[in-house]
PDB file of N, CA and C in Angstrom:
ATOM      1  N   MET A   1       0.845  -1.176   0.000  1.00  0.00           N
ATOM      2  CA  MET A   1       0.000   0.000   0.000  1.00  0.00           C
ATOM      3  C   MET A   1       0.889   1.237   0.000  1.00  0.00           C
ATOM      4  N   TRP A   2       0.369   2.310  -0.549  1.00  0.00           N
ATOM      5  CA  TRP A   2       1.083   3.571  -0.515  1.00  0.00           C
ATOM      6  C   TRP A   2       0.085   4.693  -0.319  1.00  0.00           C
ATOM      7  N   GLU A   3       0.563   5.846   0.053  1.00  0.00           N
ATOM      8  CA  GLU A   3      -0.315   6.978   0.289  1.00  0.00           C
ATOM      9  C   GLU A   3      -0.206   7.961  -0.860  1.00  0.00           C
ATOM     10  N   ILE A   4      -1.344   8.475  -1.301  1.00  0.00           N
ATOM     11  CA  ILE A   4      -1.387   9.462  -2.373  1.00  0.00           C
ATOM     12  C   ILE A   4      -1.284  10.846  -1.752  1.00  0.00           C
ATOM     13  N   ILE A   5      -0.392  11.658  -2.259  1.00  0.00           N
ATOM     14  CA  ILE A   5      -0.202  13.003  -1.717  1.00  0.00           C
ATOM     15  C   ILE A   5      -1.358  13.913  -2.133  1.00  0.00           C
ATOM     16  N   THR A   6      -1.716  13.911  -3.402  1.00  0.00           N
ATOM     17  CA  THR A   6      -2.809  14.741  -3.911  1.00  0.00           C
ATOM     18  C   THR A   6      -3.984  13.844  -4.263  1.00  0.00           C
ATOM     19  N   VAL A   7      -5.166  14.188  -3.750  1.00  0.00           N
ATOM     20  CA  VAL A   7      -6.348  13.377  -4.034  1.00  0.00           C
ATOM     21  C   VAL A   7      -7.476  14.245  -4.544  1.00  0.00           C
ATOM     22  N   LYS A   8      -8.331  13.651  -5.355  1.00  0.00           N
ATOM     23  CA  LYS A   8      -9.526  14.342  -5.825  1.00  0.00           C
ATOM     24  C   LYS A   8     -10.608  14.215  -4.763  1.00  0.00           C
ATOM     25  N   ALA A   9     -11.560  15.109  -4.774  1.00  0.00           N
ATOM     26  CA  ALA A   9     -12.667  15.053  -3.818  1.00  0.00           C
ATOM     27  C   ALA A   9     -13.364  13.705  -3.918  1.00  0.00           C
ATOM     28  N   GLY A  10     -13.647  13.110  -2.764  1.00  0.00           N
ATOM     29  CA  GLY A  10     -14.355  11.838  -2.740  1.00  0.00           C
ATOM     30  C   GLY A  10     -13.462  10.612  -2.800  1.00  0.00           C
ATOM     31  N   HIS A  11     -12.164  10.784  -2.968  1.00  0.00           N
ATOM     32  CA  HIS A  11     -11.256   9.645  -3.011  1.00  0.00           C
ATOM     33  C   HIS A  11     -10.516   9.505  -1.688  1.00  0.00           C
ATOM     34  N   ARG A  12     -10.285   8.249  -1.292  1.00  0.00           N
ATOM     35  CA  ARG A  12      -9.503   7.968  -0.084  1.00  0.00           C
ATOM     36  C   ARG A  12      -8.033   8.256  -0.340  1.00  0.00           C
ATOM     37  N   ARG A  13      -7.298   8.387   0.732  1.00  0.00           N
ATOM     38  CA  ARG A  13      -5.859   8.586   0.616  1.00  0.00           C
ATOM     39  C   ARG A  13      -5.110   7.260   0.505  1.00  0.00           C
ATOM     40  N   VAL A  14      -5.818   6.138   0.533  1.00  0.00           N
ATOM     41  CA  VAL A  14      -5.172   4.829   0.447  1.00  0.00           C
ATOM     42  C   VAL A  14      -5.522   4.163  -0.874  1.00  0.00           C
ATOM     43  N   ARG A  15      -4.507   3.782  -1.611  1.00  0.00           N
ATOM     44  CA  ARG A  15      -4.700   2.974  -2.816  1.00  0.00           C
ATOM     45  C   ARG A  15      -4.116   1.616  -2.506  1.00  0.00           C
ATOM     46  N   TYR A  16      -4.753   0.570  -2.990  1.00  0.00           N
ATOM     47  CA  TYR A  16      -4.239  -0.758  -2.690  1.00  0.00           C
ATOM     48  C   TYR A  16      -4.454  -1.706  -3.866  1.00  0.00           C
ATOM     49  N   ARG A  17      -3.598  -2.713  -3.894  1.00  0.00           N
ATOM     50  CA  ARG A  17      -3.698  -3.791  -4.877  1.00  0.00           C
ATOM     51  C   ARG A  17      -3.004  -5.007  -4.268  1.00  0.00           C
ATOM     52  N   LEU A  18      -3.784  -6.008  -3.928  1.00  0.00           N
ATOM     53  CA  LEU A  18      -3.257  -7.248  -3.370  1.00  0.00           C
ATOM     54  C   LEU A  18      -3.646  -8.369  -4.325  1.00  0.00           C
ATOM     55  N   SER A  19      -2.706  -9.219  -4.688  1.00  0.00           N
ATOM     56  CA  SER A  19      -3.011 -10.293  -5.638  1.00  0.00           C
ATOM     57  C   SER A  19      -2.269 -11.563  -5.289  1.00  0.00           C
ATOM     58  N   LEU A  20      -2.956 -12.681  -5.471  1.00  0.00           N
ATOM     59  CA  LEU A  20      -2.346 -14.003  -5.419  1.00  0.00           C
ATOM     60  C   LEU A  20      -2.348 -14.512  -6.850  1.00  0.00           C
ATOM     61  N   ILE A  21      -1.160 -14.792  -7.368  1.00  0.00           N
ATOM     62  CA  ILE A  21      -0.992 -15.202  -8.760  1.00  0.00           C
ATOM     63  C   ILE A  21      -0.586 -16.673  -8.804  1.00  0.00           C
ATOM     64  N   SER A  22      -1.238 -17.445  -9.662  1.00  0.00           N
ATOM     65  CA  SER A  22      -0.912 -18.868  -9.806  1.00  0.00           C
ATOM     66  C   SER A  22       0.415 -19.021 -10.551  1.00  0.00           C
ATOM     67  N   PRO A  23       1.011 -20.202 -10.477  1.00  0.00           N
ATOM     68  CA  PRO A  23       2.252 -20.446 -11.229  1.00  0.00           C
ATOM     69  C   PRO A  23       2.090 -20.199 -12.730  1.00  0.00           C
ATOM     70  N   SER A  24       0.864 -20.356 -13.251  1.00  0.00           N
ATOM     71  CA  SER A  24       0.645 -20.126 -14.680  1.00  0.00           C
ATOM     72  C   SER A  24       0.430 -18.643 -15.011  1.00  0.00           C
ATOM     73  N   GLY A  25       0.402 -17.800 -13.973  1.00  0.00           N
ATOM     74  CA  GLY A  25       0.265 -16.368 -14.204  1.00  0.00           C
ATOM     75  C   GLY A  25      -1.136 -15.815 -14.074  1.00  0.00           C
ATOM     76  N   ASP A  26      -2.098 -16.651 -13.682  1.00  0.00           N
ATOM     77  CA  ASP A  26      -3.479 -16.200 -13.505  1.00  0.00           C
ATOM     78  C   ASP A  26      -3.676 -15.620 -12.109  1.00  0.00           C
ATOM     79  N   ARG A  27      -4.457 -14.546 -12.015  1.00  0.00           N
ATOM     80  CA  ARG A  27      -4.809 -14.009 -10.699  1.00  0.00           C
ATOM     81  C   ARG A  27      -5.933 -14.883 -10.150  1.00  0.00           C
ATOM     82  N   VAL A  28      -5.723 -15.485  -8.995  1.00  0.00           N
ATOM     83  CA  VAL A  28      -6.748 -16.337  -8.404  1.00  0.00           C
ATOM     84  C   VAL A  28      -7.460 -15.651  -7.243  1.00  0.00           C
ATOM     85  N   ALA A  29      -6.839 -14.634  -6.669  1.00  0.00           N
ATOM     86  CA  ALA A  29      -7.476 -13.845  -5.615  1.00  0.00           C
ATOM     87  C   ALA A  29      -6.860 -12.457  -5.644  1.00  0.00           C
ATOM     88  N   GLY A  30      -7.688 -11.450  -5.408  1.00  0.00           N
ATOM     89  CA  GLY A  30      -7.143 -10.105  -5.396  1.00  0.00           C
ATOM     90  C   GLY A  30      -8.142  -9.072  -4.919  1.00  0.00           C
ATOM     91  N   TYR A  31      -7.602  -7.996  -4.401  1.00  0.00           N
ATOM     92  CA  TYR A  31      -8.394  -6.847  -3.948  1.00  0.00           C
ATOM     93  C   TYR A  31      -7.712  -5.600  -4.474  1.00  0.00           C
ATOM     94  N   ASP A  32      -8.476  -4.678  -5.033  1.00  0.00           N
ATOM     95  CA  ASP A  32      -7.899  -3.408  -5.457  1.00  0.00           C
ATOM     96  C   ASP A  32      -8.977  -2.342  -5.543  1.00  0.00           C
ATOM     97  N   ASN A  33      -8.528  -1.107  -5.730  1.00  0.00           N
ATOM     98  CA  ASN A  33      -9.481   0.014  -5.780  1.00  0.00           C
ATOM     99  C   ASN A  33      -9.128   1.008  -6.872  1.00  0.00           C
ATOM    100  N   HIS A  34      -8.750   0.499  -8.031  1.00  0.00           N
ATOM    101  CA  HIS A  34      -8.380   1.395  -9.117  1.00  0.00           C
ATOM    102  C   HIS A  34      -9.611   2.109  -9.682  1.00  0.00           C
ATOM    103  N   HIS A  35      -9.373   3.240 -10.271  1.00  0.00           N
ATOM    104  CA  HIS A  35     -10.419   4.033 -10.911  1.00  0.00           C
ATOM    105  C   HIS A  35     -10.703   3.420 -12.283  1.00  0.00           C
ATOM    106  N   PRO A  36     -11.890   3.285 -12.746  1.00  0.00           N
ATOM    107  CA  PRO A  36     -13.141   3.818 -12.219  1.00  0.00           C
ATOM    108  C   PRO A  36     -13.934   2.809 -11.393  1.00  0.00           C
ATOM    109  N   LYS A  37     -13.421   1.584 -11.219  1.00  0.00           N
ATOM    110  CA  LYS A  37     -14.202   0.548 -10.540  1.00  0.00           C
ATOM    111  C   LYS A  37     -14.342   0.762  -9.037  1.00  0.00           C
ATOM    112  N   GLY A  38     -13.370   1.400  -8.427  1.00  0.00           N
ATOM    113  CA  GLY A  38     -13.407   1.549  -6.970  1.00  0.00           C
ATOM    114  C   GLY A  38     -13.064   0.232  -6.286  1.00  0.00           C
ATOM    115  N   ASP A  39     -13.460   0.101  -5.029  1.00  0.00           N
ATOM    116  CA  ASP A  39     -13.127  -1.074  -4.229  1.00  0.00           C
ATOM    117  C   ASP A  39     -13.808  -2.318  -4.795  1.00  0.00           C
ATOM    118  N   HIS A  40     -13.001  -3.352  -5.074  1.00  0.00           N
ATOM    119  CA  HIS A  40     -13.567  -4.607  -5.548  1.00  0.00           C
ATOM    120  C   HIS A  40     -12.637  -5.774  -5.259  1.00  0.00           C
ATOM    121  N   ARG A  41     -13.226  -6.970  -5.327  1.00  0.00           N
ATOM    122  CA  ARG A  41     -12.535  -8.219  -5.012  1.00  0.00           C
ATOM    123  C   ARG A  41     -12.592  -9.133  -6.229  1.00  0.00           C
ATOM    124  N   HIS A  42     -11.498  -9.848  -6.456  1.00  0.00           N
ATOM    125  CA  HIS A  42     -11.428 -10.880  -7.486  1.00  0.00           C
ATOM    126  C   HIS A  42     -11.225 -12.216  -6.771  1.00  0.00           C
ATOM    127  N   PHE A  43     -12.005 -13.221  -7.135  1.00  0.00           N
ATOM    128  CA  PHE A  43     -11.772 -14.568  -6.609  1.00  0.00           C
ATOM    129  C   PHE A  43     -12.050 -15.550  -7.735  1.00  0.00           C
ATOM    130  N   ARG A  44     -10.995 -16.220  -8.166  1.00  0.00           N
ATOM    131  CA  ARG A  44     -11.050 -17.058  -9.365  1.00  0.00           C
ATOM    132  C   ARG A  44     -11.568 -16.204 -10.516  1.00  0.00           C
ATOM    133  N   SER A  45     -12.654 -16.550 -11.132  1.00  0.00           N
ATOM    134  CA  SER A  45     -13.123 -15.766 -12.283  1.00  0.00           C
ATOM    135  C   SER A  45     -14.232 -14.785 -11.920  1.00  0.00           C
ATOM    136  N   VAL A  46     -14.499 -14.619 -10.624  1.00  0.00           N
ATOM    137  CA  VAL A  46     -15.584 -13.732 -10.187  1.00  0.00           C
ATOM    138  C   VAL A  46     -15.015 -12.410  -9.686  1.00  0.00           C
ATOM    139  N   GLU A  47     -15.644 -11.320 -10.119  1.00  0.00           N
ATOM    140  CA  GLU A  47     -15.286  -9.987  -9.630  1.00  0.00           C
ATOM    141  C   GLU A  47     -16.525  -9.399  -8.968  1.00  0.00           C
ATOM    142  N   GLU A  48     -16.357  -8.847  -7.763  1.00  0.00           N
ATOM    143  CA  GLU A  48     -17.492  -8.282  -7.040  1.00  0.00           C
ATOM    144  C   GLU A  48     -17.079  -7.054  -6.247  1.00  0.00           C
ATOM    145  N   LYS A  49     -18.050  -6.243  -5.898  1.00  0.00           N
ATOM    146  CA  LYS A  49     -17.812  -5.046  -5.100  1.00  0.00           C
ATOM    147  C   LYS A  49     -17.277  -5.457  -3.735  1.00  0.00           C
ATOM    148  N   TYR A  50     -16.374  -4.658  -3.187  1.00  0.00           N
ATOM    149  CA  TYR A  50     -15.804  -4.894  -1.866  1.00  0.00           C
ATOM    150  C   TYR A  50     -15.965  -3.631  -1.041  1.00  0.00           C
ATOM    151  N   THR A  51     -16.354  -3.778   0.209  1.00  0.00           N
ATOM    152  CA  THR A  51     -16.486  -2.625   1.095  1.00  0.00           C
ATOM    153  C   THR A  51     -15.229  -2.496   1.935  1.00  0.00           C
ATOM    154  N   TYR A  52     -14.432  -1.471   1.611  1.00  0.00           N
ATOM    155  CA  TYR A  52     -13.186  -1.218   2.342  1.00  0.00           C
ATOM    156  C   TYR A  52     -13.515  -0.612   3.694  1.00  0.00           C
ATOM    157  N   LYS A  53     -12.893  -1.156   4.748  1.00  0.00           N
ATOM    158  CA  LYS A  53     -13.073  -0.621   6.099  1.00  0.00           C
ATOM    159  C   LYS A  53     -11.789   0.026   6.598  1.00  0.00           C
ATOM    160  N   ASP A  54     -10.704  -0.754   6.596  1.00  0.00           N
ATOM    161  CA  ASP A  54      -9.399  -0.271   7.048  1.00  0.00           C
ATOM    162  C   ASP A  54      -8.330  -1.250   6.554  1.00  0.00           C
ATOM    163  N   PRO A  55      -7.060  -0.874   6.641  1.00  0.00           N
ATOM    164  CA  PRO A  55      -6.004  -1.756   6.121  1.00  0.00           C
ATOM    165  C   PRO A  55      -5.966  -3.133   6.788  1.00  0.00           C
ATOM    166  N   GLU A  56      -6.199  -3.187   8.087  1.00  0.00           N
ATOM    167  CA  GLU A  56      -6.136  -4.466   8.796  1.00  0.00           C
ATOM    168  C   GLU A  56      -7.217  -5.432   8.302  1.00  0.00           C
ATOM    169  N   THR A  57      -8.434  -4.925   8.114  1.00  0.00           N
ATOM    170  CA  THR A  57      -9.524  -5.765   7.615  1.00  0.00           C
ATOM    171  C   THR A  57      -9.250  -6.209   6.185  1.00  0.00           C
ATOM    172  N   LEU A  58      -8.756  -5.302   5.360  1.00  0.00           N
ATOM    173  CA  LEU A  58      -8.412  -5.631   3.974  1.00  0.00           C
ATOM    174  C   LEU A  58      -7.401  -6.770   3.920  1.00  0.00           C
ATOM    175  N   ILE A  59      -6.337  -6.653   4.670  1.00  0.00           N
ATOM    176  CA  ILE A  59      -5.297  -7.684   4.660  1.00  0.00           C
ATOM    177  C   ILE A  59      -5.849  -8.994   5.209  1.00  0.00           C
ATOM    178  N   GLY A  60      -6.659  -8.927   6.262  1.00  0.00           N
ATOM    179  CA  GLY A  60      -7.278 -10.133   6.810  1.00  0.00           C
ATOM    180  C   GLY A  60      -8.174 -10.825   5.804  1.00  0.00           C
ATOM    181  N   ASP A  61      -9.001 -10.046   5.092  1.00  0.00           N
ATOM    182  CA  ASP A  61      -9.886 -10.620   4.070  1.00  0.00           C
ATOM    183  C   ASP A  61      -9.079 -11.269   2.952  1.00  0.00           C
ATOM    184  N   PHE A  62      -8.019 -10.604   2.523  1.00  0.00           N
ATOM    185  CA  PHE A  62      -7.165 -11.152   1.470  1.00  0.00           C
ATOM    186  C   PHE A  62      -6.516 -12.459   1.928  1.00  0.00           C
ATOM    187  N   LEU A  63      -5.993 -12.471   3.149  1.00  0.00           N
ATOM    188  CA  LEU A  63      -5.341 -13.681   3.645  1.00  0.00           C
ATOM    189  C   LEU A  63      -6.328 -14.839   3.807  1.00  0.00           C
ATOM    190  N   LYS A  64      -7.581 -14.555   4.122  1.00  0.00           N
ATOM    191  CA  LYS A  64      -8.606 -15.612   4.168  1.00  0.00           C
ATOM    192  C   LYS A  64      -8.786 -16.226   2.781  1.00  0.00           C
ATOM    193  N   ASP A  65      -8.824 -15.386   1.754  1.00  0.00           N
ATOM    194  CA  ASP A  65      -8.949 -15.895   0.385  1.00  0.00           C
ATOM    195  C   ASP A  65      -7.723 -16.712  -0.009  1.00  0.00           C
ATOM    196  N   VAL A  66      -6.547 -16.254   0.374  1.00  0.00           N
ATOM    197  CA  VAL A  66      -5.319 -16.995   0.077  1.00  0.00           C
ATOM    198  C   VAL A  66      -5.389 -18.371   0.727  1.00  0.00           C
ATOM    199  N   GLU A  67      -5.822 -18.416   1.974  1.00  0.00           N
ATOM    200  CA  GLU A  67      -5.938 -19.701   2.683  1.00  0.00           C
ATOM    201  C   GLU A  67      -6.953 -20.617   1.991  1.00  0.00           C
ATOM    202  N   LEU A  68      -8.070 -20.058   1.530  1.00  0.00           N
ATOM    203  CA  LEU A  68      -9.063 -20.870   0.801  1.00  0.00           C
ATOM    204  C   LEU A  68      -8.445 -21.501  -0.440  1.00  0.00           C
ATOM    205  N   VAL A  69      -7.695 -20.712  -1.185  1.00  0.00           N
ATOM    206  CA  VAL A  69      -7.071 -21.224  -2.409  1.00  0.00           C
ATOM    207  C   VAL A  69      -6.029 -22.289  -2.076  1.00  0.00           C
ATOM    208  N   LEU A  70      -5.161 -21.993  -1.125  1.00  0.00           N
ATOM    209  CA  LEU A  70      -4.080 -22.918  -0.813  1.00  0.00           C
ATOM    210  C   LEU A  70      -4.583 -24.212  -0.164  1.00  0.00           C
ATOM    211  N   SER A  71      -5.699 -24.124   0.548  1.00  0.00           N
ATOM    212  CA  SER A  71      -6.247 -25.319   1.214  1.00  0.00           C
ATOM    213  C   SER A  71      -7.103 -26.157   0.258  1.00  0.00           C
ATOM    214  N   GLY A  72      -7.540 -25.544  -0.846  1.00  0.00           N
ATOM    215  CA  GLY A  72      -8.406 -26.242  -1.784  1.00  0.00           C
ATOM    216  C   GLY A  72      -9.861 -26.232  -1.356  1.00  0.00           C
ATOM    217  N   LYS A  73     -10.191 -25.497  -0.292  1.00  0.00           N
ATOM    218  CA  LYS A  73     -11.570 -25.428   0.229  1.00  0.00           C
ATOM    219  C   LYS A  73     -12.200 -24.109  -0.201  1.00  0.00           C
ATOM    220  N   GLU A  74     -12.638 -24.041  -1.437  1.00  0.00           N
ATOM    221  CA  GLU A  74     -13.154 -22.796  -2.006  1.00  0.00           C
ATOM    222  C   GLU A  74     -14.675 -22.759  -2.083  1.00  0.00           C
ATOM    223  N   ASP A  75     -15.348 -23.342  -1.118  1.00  0.00           N
ATOM    224  CA  ASP A  75     -16.814 -23.356  -1.125  1.00  0.00           C
ATOM    225  C   ASP A  75     -17.413 -21.999  -0.770  1.00  0.00           C
ATOM    226  N   SER A  76     -16.661 -21.142  -0.093  1.00  0.00           N
ATOM    227  CA  SER A  76     -17.191 -19.841   0.348  1.00  0.00           C
ATOM    228  C   SER A  76     -17.137 -18.812  -0.735  1.00  0.00           C
TER     229      SER A  76
END
């Protein structure tokens, strides 16, 4: 994560991009907030809106997804 010095009205000062990449180069889990999509989550081939709360929650949510992928238990 890094902090943006200059921000437009309505944008947070935190930009983030977390990704788990498979050996073949595919993103299997990820969270980011790039413009124009805003906060969203990627899990396998599904992309959905994500509600950002704080950095600790973001990292925790990402690590839960990583554990799901690595354990092979992707029912959630």
